[in-house]
Amino acid sequence: MPNKLKGLLSSIIDELKQIAASETIVGKPVVLGDKSIVPVTRLMVGFGVGGGEGESDKKGQGFGGGGAGGARVEP
């Protein structure tokens, strides 16, 4: 079971890494005349993963798991 949960967690973290790329936090500078504006955002990320394993004489072994993640971006 630990390997299956590790796979779920790795998948969620990989997706969140794409969301949290540095370009998401600090944007490309915009030049207006003699001024430069650098857009900056705040990123909040959360995720969770869980699973369970069981065994039955009639149905054999089984594993169930799930995970989710989310992000919030504020200018």
C-alpha atoms as a PDB file:
ATOM      1  CA  MET A   1       0.000   0.000   0.000  1.00  0.00           C
ATOM      2  CA  PRO A   2       2.694   2.616   0.751  1.00  0.00           C
ATOM      3  CA  ASN A   3       3.929   2.472  -2.875  1.00  0.00           C
ATOM      4  CA  LYS A   4       0.426   3.068  -4.226  1.00  0.00           C
ATOM      5  CA  LEU A   5      -0.060   6.078  -1.935  1.00  0.00           C
ATOM      6  CA  LYS A   6       3.370   7.362  -2.891  1.00  0.00           C
ATOM      7  CA  GLY A   7       2.341   7.209  -6.557  1.00  0.00           C
ATOM      8  CA  LEU A   8      -0.858   9.158  -5.859  1.00  0.00           C
ATOM      9  CA  LEU A   9       1.026  11.767  -3.884  1.00  0.00           C
ATOM     10  CA  SER A  10       3.733  12.121  -6.545  1.00  0.00           C
ATOM     11  CA  SER A  11       1.111  12.654  -9.235  1.00  0.00           C
ATOM     12  CA  ILE A  12      -0.644  15.388  -7.228  1.00  0.00           C
ATOM     13  CA  ILE A  13       2.637  17.129  -6.393  1.00  0.00           C
ATOM     14  CA  ASP A  14       3.728  17.079 -10.058  1.00  0.00           C
ATOM     15  CA  GLU A  15       0.499  18.792 -11.102  1.00  0.00           C
ATOM     16  CA  LEU A  16       0.804  21.401  -8.349  1.00  0.00           C
ATOM     17  CA  LYS A  17       4.410  22.120  -9.375  1.00  0.00           C
ATOM     18  CA  GLN A  18       3.166  23.086 -12.826  1.00  0.00           C
ATOM     19  CA  ILE A  19       0.597  25.441 -11.310  1.00  0.00           C
ATOM     20  CA  ALA A  20       3.184  26.970  -8.976  1.00  0.00           C
ATOM     21  CA  ALA A  21       5.788  27.706 -11.667  1.00  0.00           C
ATOM     22  CA  SER A  22       7.730  30.884 -10.956  1.00  0.00           C
ATOM     23  CA  GLU A  23       6.016  32.585 -13.915  1.00  0.00           C
ATOM     24  CA  THR A  24       2.738  32.193 -12.037  1.00  0.00           C
ATOM     25  CA  ILE A  25       4.063  34.114  -9.024  1.00  0.00           C
ATOM     26  CA  VAL A  26       6.217  36.795 -10.661  1.00  0.00           C
ATOM     27  CA  GLY A  27       5.030  37.816 -14.103  1.00  0.00           C
ATOM     28  CA  LYS A  28       6.924  39.385 -16.960  1.00  0.00           C
ATOM     29  CA  PRO A  29       7.742  43.049 -16.367  1.00  0.00           C
ATOM     30  CA  VAL A  30       5.604  45.584 -18.205  1.00  0.00           C
ATOM     31  CA  VAL A  31       7.323  48.814 -19.244  1.00  0.00           C
ATOM     32  CA  LEU A  32       5.188  51.972 -19.328  1.00  0.00           C
ATOM     33  CA  GLY A  33       7.274  54.955 -20.353  1.00  0.00           C
ATOM     34  CA  ASP A  34      10.132  55.204 -17.868  1.00  0.00           C
ATOM     35  CA  LYS A  35       8.392  52.952 -15.323  1.00  0.00           C
ATOM     36  CA  SER A  36       8.444  49.158 -14.993  1.00  0.00           C
ATOM     37  CA  ILE A  37       5.680  47.178 -13.362  1.00  0.00           C
ATOM     38  CA  VAL A  38       6.330  43.619 -12.205  1.00  0.00           C
ATOM     39  CA  PRO A  39       3.093  41.724 -11.543  1.00  0.00           C
ATOM     40  CA  VAL A  40       3.275  39.619  -8.377  1.00  0.00           C
ATOM     41  CA  THR A  41       0.647  37.190  -7.101  1.00  0.00           C
ATOM     42  CA  ARG A  42       0.147  35.151  -3.966  1.00  0.00           C
ATOM     43  CA  LEU A  43      -0.297  31.421  -4.441  1.00  0.00           C
ATOM     44  CA  MET A  44      -1.793  29.091  -1.846  1.00  0.00           C
ATOM     45  CA  VAL A  45      -1.679  25.338  -2.384  1.00  0.00           C
ATOM     46  CA  GLY A  46      -3.224  22.458  -0.483  1.00  0.00           C
ATOM     47  CA  PHE A  47      -3.474  18.742  -1.083  1.00  0.00           C
ATOM     48  CA  GLY A  48      -4.263  15.468   0.586  1.00  0.00           C
ATOM     49  CA  VAL A  49      -4.002  11.769  -0.119  1.00  0.00           C
ATOM     50  CA  GLY A  50      -5.292   8.713   1.668  1.00  0.00           C
ATOM     51  CA  GLY A  51      -5.965   5.058   1.175  1.00  0.00           C
ATOM     52  CA  GLY A  52      -6.836   1.783   2.728  1.00  0.00           C
ATOM     53  CA  GLU A  53      -6.154  -1.874   2.205  1.00  0.00           C
ATOM     54  CA  GLY A  54      -8.159  -4.911   3.183  1.00  0.00           C
ATOM     55  CA  GLU A  55      -8.565  -8.623   2.742  1.00  0.00           C
ATOM     56  CA  SER A  56     -11.604 -10.875   2.610  1.00  0.00           C
ATOM     57  CA  ASP A  57     -11.945 -14.644   2.290  1.00  0.00           C
ATOM     58  CA  LYS A  58     -14.618 -14.214  -0.395  1.00  0.00           C
ATOM     59  CA  LYS A  59     -13.211 -11.280  -2.362  1.00  0.00           C
ATOM     60  CA  GLY A  60      -9.458 -11.458  -1.771  1.00  0.00           C
ATOM     61  CA  GLN A  61      -7.238  -8.433  -1.298  1.00  0.00           C
ATOM     62  CA  GLY A  62      -8.112  -4.898  -2.241  1.00  0.00           C
ATOM     63  CA  PHE A  63      -6.820  -1.360  -2.124  1.00  0.00           C
ATOM     64  CA  GLY A  64      -8.675   1.903  -2.394  1.00  0.00           C
ATOM     65  CA  GLY A  65      -7.195   5.346  -2.431  1.00  0.00           C
ATOM     66  CA  GLY A  66      -7.735   8.873  -3.526  1.00  0.00           C
ATOM     67  CA  GLY A  67      -6.186  12.256  -3.522  1.00  0.00           C
ATOM     68  CA  ALA A  68      -6.913  15.828  -4.400  1.00  0.00           C
ATOM     69  CA  GLY A  69      -5.204  19.138  -4.587  1.00  0.00           C
ATOM     70  CA  GLY A  70      -6.074  22.716  -5.231  1.00  0.00           C
ATOM     71  CA  ALA A  71      -4.571  26.127  -5.672  1.00  0.00           C
ATOM     72  CA  ARG A  72      -5.730  29.689  -5.064  1.00  0.00           C
ATOM     73  CA  VAL A  73      -4.098  32.616  -6.815  1.00  0.00           C
ATOM     74  CA  GLU A  74      -4.593  36.229  -5.709  1.00  0.00           C
ATOM     75  CA  PRO A  75      -3.201  39.251  -7.559  1.00  0.00           C
END
